[in-house]
Amino acid sequence: MNSWRTFGLLISMRRFAITDGKMYATLSKSGRTIEFNDCLIAATVQSLGMNEIVTRNCDHFNRINGCTALLPKDLAF
């Protein structure tokens, strides 16, 4: 991997981590905590400018502002 691509990846990872931390803190303060891994997934999606997640755990992802969780069966998967 060339150094520019590596640098871009590191910048993206930093952005995901910051978004993840803020998301986890917000949920914790409101008493609606979810697993850290779910926050990381949602943070990655939101950092990429998306808001829909296909999951079987809609309850967790629907707790996150700006995130819409869809069941696979809703999309005919």
PDB file of N, CA and C in Angstrom:
ATOM      1  N   MET A   1       0.863  -1.176   0.000  1.00  0.00           N
ATOM      2  CA  MET A   1       0.000   0.000   0.000  1.00  0.00           C
ATOM      3  C   MET A   1       0.905   1.233   0.000  1.00  0.00           C
ATOM      4  N   ASN A   2       0.601   2.189  -0.868  1.00  0.00           N
ATOM      5  CA  ASN A   2       1.454   3.368  -0.899  1.00  0.00           C
ATOM      6  C   ASN A   2       1.163   4.282   0.290  1.00  0.00           C
ATOM      7  N   SER A   3       2.067   5.186   0.556  1.00  0.00           N
ATOM      8  CA  SER A   3       1.966   6.016   1.757  1.00  0.00           C
ATOM      9  C   SER A   3       0.762   6.957   1.732  1.00  0.00           C
ATOM     10  N   TRP A   4       0.335   7.430   0.563  1.00  0.00           N
ATOM     11  CA  TRP A   4      -0.834   8.323   0.506  1.00  0.00           C
ATOM     12  C   TRP A   4      -2.116   7.583   0.857  1.00  0.00           C
ATOM     13  N   ARG A   5      -2.237   6.349   0.365  1.00  0.00           N
ATOM     14  CA  ARG A   5      -3.419   5.547   0.698  1.00  0.00           C
ATOM     15  C   ARG A   5      -3.419   5.202   2.186  1.00  0.00           C
ATOM     16  N   THR A   6      -2.247   4.905   2.723  1.00  0.00           N
ATOM     17  CA  THR A   6      -2.139   4.613   4.151  1.00  0.00           C
ATOM     18  C   THR A   6      -2.538   5.836   4.958  1.00  0.00           C
ATOM     19  N   PHE A   7      -2.072   7.002   4.554  1.00  0.00           N
ATOM     20  CA  PHE A   7      -2.417   8.246   5.246  1.00  0.00           C
ATOM     21  C   PHE A   7      -3.921   8.486   5.196  1.00  0.00           C
ATOM     22  N   GLY A   8      -4.528   8.285   4.034  1.00  0.00           N
ATOM     23  CA  GLY A   8      -5.978   8.455   3.894  1.00  0.00           C
ATOM     24  C   GLY A   8      -6.742   7.498   4.780  1.00  0.00           C
ATOM     25  N   LEU A   9      -6.279   6.267   4.878  1.00  0.00           N
ATOM     26  CA  LEU A   9      -6.912   5.274   5.744  1.00  0.00           C
ATOM     27  C   LEU A   9      -6.816   5.687   7.205  1.00  0.00           C
ATOM     28  N   LEU A  10      -5.669   6.180   7.620  1.00  0.00           N
ATOM     29  CA  LEU A  10      -5.498   6.624   9.006  1.00  0.00           C
ATOM     30  C   LEU A  10      -6.406   7.808   9.334  1.00  0.00           C
ATOM     31  N   ILE A  11      -6.557   8.739   8.407  1.00  0.00           N
ATOM     32  CA  ILE A  11      -7.448   9.884   8.601  1.00  0.00           C
ATOM     33  C   ILE A  11      -8.880   9.395   8.760  1.00  0.00           C
ATOM     34  N   SER A  12      -9.283   8.456   7.905  1.00  0.00           N
ATOM     35  CA  SER A  12     -10.639   7.906   7.994  1.00  0.00           C
ATOM     36  C   SER A  12     -10.850   7.193   9.314  1.00  0.00           C
ATOM     37  N   MET A  13      -9.880   6.402   9.743  1.00  0.00           N
ATOM     38  CA  MET A  13     -10.006   5.676  11.004  1.00  0.00           C
ATOM     39  C   MET A  13     -10.129   6.646  12.174  1.00  0.00           C
ATOM     40  N   ARG A  14      -9.400   7.734  12.127  1.00  0.00           N
ATOM     41  CA  ARG A  14      -9.490   8.747  13.180  1.00  0.00           C
ATOM     42  C   ARG A  14     -10.892   9.349  13.209  1.00  0.00           C
ATOM     43  N   ARG A  15     -11.435   9.650  12.039  1.00  0.00           N
ATOM     44  CA  ARG A  15     -12.774  10.221  11.944  1.00  0.00           C
ATOM     45  C   ARG A  15     -13.813   9.245  12.503  1.00  0.00           C
ATOM     46  N   PHE A  16     -13.679   7.957  12.150  1.00  0.00           N
ATOM     47  CA  PHE A  16     -14.602   6.949  12.664  1.00  0.00           C
ATOM     48  C   PHE A  16     -14.517   6.864  14.180  1.00  0.00           C
ATOM     49  N   ALA A  17     -13.293   6.875  14.704  1.00  0.00           N
ATOM     50  CA  ALA A  17     -13.095   6.740  16.149  1.00  0.00           C
ATOM     51  C   ALA A  17     -13.685   7.922  16.912  1.00  0.00           C
ATOM     52  N   ILE A  18     -13.513   9.121  16.395  1.00  0.00           N
ATOM     53  CA  ILE A  18     -14.066  10.310  17.062  1.00  0.00           C
ATOM     54  C   ILE A  18     -15.585  10.263  17.029  1.00  0.00           C
ATOM     55  N   THR A  19     -16.158   9.943  15.880  1.00  0.00           N
ATOM     56  CA  THR A  19     -17.614   9.839  15.761  1.00  0.00           C
ATOM     57  C   THR A  19     -18.136   8.752  16.689  1.00  0.00           C
ATOM     58  N   ASP A  20     -17.440   7.628  16.753  1.00  0.00           N
ATOM     59  CA  ASP A  20     -17.826   6.516  17.617  1.00  0.00           C
ATOM     60  C   ASP A  20     -17.822   6.928  19.082  1.00  0.00           C
ATOM     61  N   GLY A  21     -16.783   7.587  19.519  1.00  0.00           N
ATOM     62  CA  GLY A  21     -16.692   8.020  20.916  1.00  0.00           C
ATOM     63  C   GLY A  21     -17.800   8.982  21.296  1.00  0.00           C
ATOM     64  N   LYS A  22     -18.081   9.927  20.426  1.00  0.00           N
ATOM     65  CA  LYS A  22     -19.164  10.888  20.699  1.00  0.00           C
ATOM     66  C   LYS A  22     -20.505  10.178  20.756  1.00  0.00           C
ATOM     67  N   MET A  23     -20.722   9.265  19.836  1.00  0.00           N
ATOM     68  CA  MET A  23     -21.977   8.519  19.786  1.00  0.00           C
ATOM     69  C   MET A  23     -22.159   7.683  21.057  1.00  0.00           C
ATOM     70  N   TYR A  24     -21.121   6.966  21.458  1.00  0.00           N
ATOM     71  CA  TYR A  24     -21.186   6.125  22.653  1.00  0.00           C
ATOM     72  C   TYR A  24     -21.435   6.972  23.903  1.00  0.00           C
ATOM     73  N   ALA A  25     -20.756   8.121  24.006  1.00  0.00           N
ATOM     74  CA  ALA A  25     -20.937   9.012  25.156  1.00  0.00           C
ATOM     75  C   ALA A  25     -22.361   9.560  25.212  1.00  0.00           C
ATOM     76  N   THR A  26     -22.888   9.963  24.071  1.00  0.00           N
ATOM     77  CA  THR A  26     -24.260  10.488  24.023  1.00  0.00           C
ATOM     78  C   THR A  26     -25.262   9.434  24.468  1.00  0.00           C
ATOM     79  N   LEU A  27     -25.110   8.214  23.956  1.00  0.00           N
ATOM     80  CA  LEU A  27     -26.023   7.138  24.338  1.00  0.00           C
ATOM     81  C   LEU A  27     -25.882   6.793  25.824  1.00  0.00           C
ATOM     82  N   SER A  28     -24.657   6.784  26.324  1.00  0.00           N
ATOM     83  CA  SER A  28     -24.430   6.463  27.735  1.00  0.00           C
ATOM     84  C   SER A  28     -25.061   7.498  28.652  1.00  0.00           C
ATOM     85  N   LYS A  29     -24.894   8.764  28.310  1.00  0.00           N
ATOM     86  CA  LYS A  29     -25.466   9.841  29.126  1.00  0.00           C
ATOM     87  C   LYS A  29     -26.982   9.791  29.165  1.00  0.00           C
ATOM     88  N   SER A  30     -27.588   9.307  28.089  1.00  0.00           N
ATOM     89  CA  SER A  30     -29.051   9.250  28.025  1.00  0.00           C
ATOM     90  C   SER A  30     -29.602   7.926  28.553  1.00  0.00           C
ATOM     91  N   GLY A  31     -28.716   7.028  28.989  1.00  0.00           N
ATOM     92  CA  GLY A  31     -29.155   5.742  29.517  1.00  0.00           C
ATOM     93  C   GLY A  31     -29.586   4.759  28.447  1.00  0.00           C
ATOM     94  N   ARG A  32     -29.178   4.992  27.209  1.00  0.00           N
ATOM     95  CA  ARG A  32     -29.580   4.121  26.092  1.00  0.00           C
ATOM     96  C   ARG A  32     -28.360   3.423  25.489  1.00  0.00           C
ATOM     97  N   THR A  33     -27.436   3.004  26.331  1.00  0.00           N
ATOM     98  CA  THR A  33     -26.177   2.423  25.888  1.00  0.00           C
ATOM     99  C   THR A  33     -26.389   1.178  25.026  1.00  0.00           C
ATOM    100  N   ILE A  34     -25.557   1.046  24.017  1.00  0.00           N
ATOM    101  CA  ILE A  34     -25.512  -0.158  23.186  1.00  0.00           C
ATOM    102  C   ILE A  34     -24.066  -0.636  23.167  1.00  0.00           C
ATOM    103  N   GLU A  35     -23.825  -1.801  22.589  1.00  0.00           N
ATOM    104  CA  GLU A  35     -22.471  -2.333  22.526  1.00  0.00           C
ATOM    105  C   GLU A  35     -21.558  -1.386  21.749  1.00  0.00           C
ATOM    106  N   PHE A  36     -20.322  -1.324  22.198  1.00  0.00           N
ATOM    107  CA  PHE A  36     -19.331  -0.463  21.575  1.00  0.00           C
ATOM    108  C   PHE A  36     -19.169  -0.806  20.093  1.00  0.00           C
ATOM    109  N   ASN A  37     -19.192  -2.106  19.763  1.00  0.00           N
ATOM    110  CA  ASN A  37     -19.040  -2.512  18.360  1.00  0.00           C
ATOM    111  C   ASN A  37     -20.169  -1.975  17.489  1.00  0.00           C
ATOM    112  N   ASP A  38     -21.386  -1.946  18.027  1.00  0.00           N
ATOM    113  CA  ASP A  38     -22.508  -1.391  17.264  1.00  0.00           C
ATOM    114  C   ASP A  38     -22.311   0.100  17.025  1.00  0.00           C
ATOM    115  N   CYS A  39     -21.775   0.793  18.019  1.00  0.00           N
ATOM    116  CA  CYS A  39     -21.468   2.219  17.828  1.00  0.00           C
ATOM    117  C   CYS A  39     -20.415   2.400  16.741  1.00  0.00           C
ATOM    118  N   LEU A  40     -19.422   1.537  16.719  1.00  0.00           N
ATOM    119  CA  LEU A  40     -18.371   1.649  15.708  1.00  0.00           C
ATOM    120  C   LEU A  40     -18.933   1.423  14.308  1.00  0.00           C
ATOM    121  N   ILE A  41     -19.832   0.461  14.176  1.00  0.00           N
ATOM    122  CA  ILE A  41     -20.475   0.215  12.877  1.00  0.00           C
ATOM    123  C   ILE A  41     -21.272   1.445  12.445  1.00  0.00           C
ATOM    124  N   ALA A  42     -22.092   1.974  13.355  1.00  0.00           N
ATOM    125  CA  ALA A  42     -22.913   3.145  13.036  1.00  0.00           C
ATOM    126  C   ALA A  42     -22.042   4.365  12.737  1.00  0.00           C
ATOM    127  N   ALA A  43     -20.984   4.544  13.498  1.00  0.00           N
ATOM    128  CA  ALA A  43     -20.087   5.684  13.270  1.00  0.00           C
ATOM    129  C   ALA A  43     -19.423   5.591  11.906  1.00  0.00           C
ATOM    130  N   THR A  44     -19.041   4.396  11.519  1.00  0.00           N
ATOM    131  CA  THR A  44     -18.424   4.205  10.212  1.00  0.00           C
ATOM    132  C   THR A  44     -19.413   4.551   9.104  1.00  0.00           C
ATOM    133  N   VAL A  45     -20.628   4.055   9.241  1.00  0.00           N
ATOM    134  CA  VAL A  45     -21.669   4.333   8.247  1.00  0.00           C
ATOM    135  C   VAL A  45     -21.934   5.837   8.158  1.00  0.00           C
ATOM    136  N   GLN A  46     -22.116   6.488   9.305  1.00  0.00           N
ATOM    137  CA  GLN A  46     -22.420   7.923   9.296  1.00  0.00           C
ATOM    138  C   GLN A  46     -21.239   8.746   8.789  1.00  0.00           C
ATOM    139  N   SER A  47     -20.037   8.343   9.117  1.00  0.00           N
ATOM    140  CA  SER A  47     -18.859   9.074   8.637  1.00  0.00           C
ATOM    141  C   SER A  47     -18.720   9.007   7.127  1.00  0.00           C
ATOM    142  N   LEU A  48     -19.302   7.975   6.539  1.00  0.00           N
ATOM    143  CA  LEU A  48     -19.273   7.831   5.085  1.00  0.00           C
ATOM    144  C   LEU A  48     -20.470   8.497   4.417  1.00  0.00           C
ATOM    145  N   GLY A  49     -21.275   9.208   5.211  1.00  0.00           N
ATOM    146  CA  GLY A  49     -22.401   9.957   4.671  1.00  0.00           C
ATOM    147  C   GLY A  49     -23.661   9.139   4.461  1.00  0.00           C
ATOM    148  N   MET A  50     -23.733   7.978   5.071  1.00  0.00           N
ATOM    149  CA  MET A  50     -24.927   7.132   4.939  1.00  0.00           C
ATOM    150  C   MET A  50     -25.670   7.105   6.271  1.00  0.00           C
ATOM    151  N   ASN A  51     -26.913   6.613   6.241  1.00  0.00           N
ATOM    152  CA  ASN A  51     -27.660   6.546   7.496  1.00  0.00           C
ATOM    153  C   ASN A  51     -28.450   5.264   7.670  1.00  0.00           C
ATOM    154  N   GLU A  52     -28.430   4.364   6.697  1.00  0.00           N
ATOM    155  CA  GLU A  52     -29.178   3.113   6.797  1.00  0.00           C
ATOM    156  C   GLU A  52     -28.238   1.936   7.046  1.00  0.00           C
ATOM    157  N   ILE A  53     -28.681   1.062   7.946  1.00  0.00           N
ATOM    158  CA  ILE A  53     -27.919  -0.135   8.287  1.00  0.00           C
ATOM    159  C   ILE A  53     -28.862  -1.321   8.199  1.00  0.00           C
ATOM    160  N   VAL A  54     -28.442  -2.370   7.519  1.00  0.00           N
ATOM    161  CA  VAL A  54     -29.219  -3.605   7.460  1.00  0.00           C
ATOM    162  C   VAL A  54     -28.708  -4.505   8.580  1.00  0.00           C
ATOM    163  N   THR A  55     -29.612  -4.868   9.489  1.00  0.00           N
ATOM    164  CA  THR A  55     -29.231  -5.625  10.680  1.00  0.00           C
ATOM    165  C   THR A  55     -30.420  -6.406  11.218  1.00  0.00           C
ATOM    166  N   ARG A  56     -30.145  -7.368  12.055  1.00  0.00           N
ATOM    167  CA  ARG A  56     -31.215  -8.063  12.771  1.00  0.00           C
ATOM    168  C   ARG A  56     -31.366  -7.474  14.175  1.00  0.00           C
ATOM    169  N   ASN A  57     -30.597  -6.459  14.487  1.00  0.00           N
ATOM    170  CA  ASN A  57     -30.629  -5.827  15.793  1.00  0.00           C
ATOM    171  C   ASN A  57     -31.077  -4.370  15.645  1.00  0.00           C
ATOM    172  N   CYS A  58     -32.264  -4.181  15.129  1.00  0.00           N
ATOM    173  CA  CYS A  58     -32.780  -2.829  14.868  1.00  0.00           C
ATOM    174  C   CYS A  58     -32.895  -1.998  16.136  1.00  0.00           C
ATOM    175  N   ASP A  59     -33.205  -2.633  17.246  1.00  0.00           N
ATOM    176  CA  ASP A  59     -33.384  -1.904  18.503  1.00  0.00           C
ATOM    177  C   ASP A  59     -32.162  -1.057  18.845  1.00  0.00           C
ATOM    178  N   HIS A  60     -30.981  -1.626  18.725  1.00  0.00           N
ATOM    179  CA  HIS A  60     -29.767  -0.871  19.057  1.00  0.00           C
ATOM    180  C   HIS A  60     -29.533   0.283  18.098  1.00  0.00           C
ATOM    181  N   PHE A  61     -29.597   0.010  16.805  1.00  0.00           N
ATOM    182  CA  PHE A  61     -29.255   1.034  15.835  1.00  0.00           C
ATOM    183  C   PHE A  61     -30.302   2.140  15.754  1.00  0.00           C
ATOM    184  N   ASN A  62     -31.535   1.838  16.064  1.00  0.00           N
ATOM    185  CA  ASN A  62     -32.568   2.875  16.059  1.00  0.00           C
ATOM    186  C   ASN A  62     -32.446   3.828  17.245  1.00  0.00           C
ATOM    187  N   ARG A  63     -31.613   3.517  18.204  1.00  0.00           N
ATOM    188  CA  ARG A  63     -31.349   4.434  19.332  1.00  0.00           C
ATOM    189  C   ARG A  63     -30.432   5.586  18.927  1.00  0.00           C
ATOM    190  N   ILE A  64     -29.781   5.448  17.807  1.00  0.00           N
ATOM    191  CA  ILE A  64     -28.783   6.417  17.362  1.00  0.00           C
ATOM    192  C   ILE A  64     -29.445   7.459  16.469  1.00  0.00           C
ATOM    193  N   ASN A  65     -29.289   8.724  16.837  1.00  0.00           N
ATOM    194  CA  ASN A  65     -29.856   9.811  16.032  1.00  0.00           C
ATOM    195  C   ASN A  65     -29.286   9.772  14.623  1.00  0.00           C
ATOM    196  N   GLY A  66     -30.169   9.875  13.655  1.00  0.00           N
ATOM    197  CA  GLY A  66     -29.746   9.902  12.263  1.00  0.00           C
ATOM    198  C   GLY A  66     -29.479   8.541  11.660  1.00  0.00           C
ATOM    199  N   CYS A  67     -29.773   7.479  12.400  1.00  0.00           N
ATOM    200  CA  CYS A  67     -29.517   6.130  11.912  1.00  0.00           C
ATOM    201  C   CYS A  67     -30.848   5.394  11.737  1.00  0.00           C
ATOM    202  N   THR A  68     -31.020   4.755  10.600  1.00  0.00           N
ATOM    203  CA  THR A  68     -32.212   3.967  10.326  1.00  0.00           C
ATOM    204  C   THR A  68     -31.800   2.517  10.150  1.00  0.00           C
ATOM    205  N   ALA A  69     -32.369   1.649  10.971  1.00  0.00           N
ATOM    206  CA  ALA A  69     -32.053   0.227  10.884  1.00  0.00           C
ATOM    207  C   ALA A  69     -33.138  -0.494  10.100  1.00  0.00           C
ATOM    208  N   LEU A  70     -32.714  -1.325   9.182  1.00  0.00           N
ATOM    209  CA  LEU A  70     -33.632  -2.094   8.349  1.00  0.00           C
ATOM    210  C   LEU A  70     -33.352  -3.580   8.536  1.00  0.00           C
ATOM    211  N   LEU A  71     -34.405  -4.368   8.591  1.00  0.00           N
ATOM    212  CA  LEU A  71     -34.248  -5.820   8.655  1.00  0.00           C
ATOM    213  C   LEU A  71     -33.933  -6.361   7.272  1.00  0.00           C
ATOM    214  N   PRO A  72     -33.120  -7.416   7.182  1.00  0.00           N
ATOM    215  CA  PRO A  72     -32.818  -7.991   5.866  1.00  0.00           C
ATOM    216  C   PRO A  72     -34.091  -8.366   5.107  1.00  0.00           C
ATOM    217  N   LYS A  73     -35.093  -8.895   5.807  1.00  0.00           N
ATOM    218  CA  LYS A  73     -36.321  -9.313   5.115  1.00  0.00           C
ATOM    219  C   LYS A  73     -37.058  -8.124   4.478  1.00  0.00           C
ATOM    220  N   ASP A  74     -36.846  -6.913   5.037  1.00  0.00           N
ATOM    221  CA  ASP A  74     -37.468  -5.721   4.459  1.00  0.00           C
ATOM    222  C   ASP A  74     -36.900  -5.391   3.082  1.00  0.00           C
ATOM    223  N   LEU A  75     -35.712  -5.896   2.823  1.00  0.00           N
ATOM    224  CA  LEU A  75     -35.048  -5.634   1.543  1.00  0.00           C
ATOM    225  C   LEU A  75     -34.994  -6.886   0.673  1.00  0.00           C
ATOM    226  N   ALA A  76     -35.736  -7.885   1.081  1.00  0.00           N
ATOM    227  CA  ALA A  76     -35.812  -9.163   0.354  1.00  0.00           C
ATOM    228  C   ALA A  76     -34.481  -9.877   0.316  1.00  0.00           C
ATOM    229  N   PHE A  77     -33.695  -9.767   1.383  1.00  0.00           N
ATOM    230  CA  PHE A  77     -32.425 -10.520   1.469  1.00  0.00           C
ATOM    231  C   PHE A  77     -32.709 -11.887   2.043  1.00  0.00           C
TER     232      PHE A  77
END
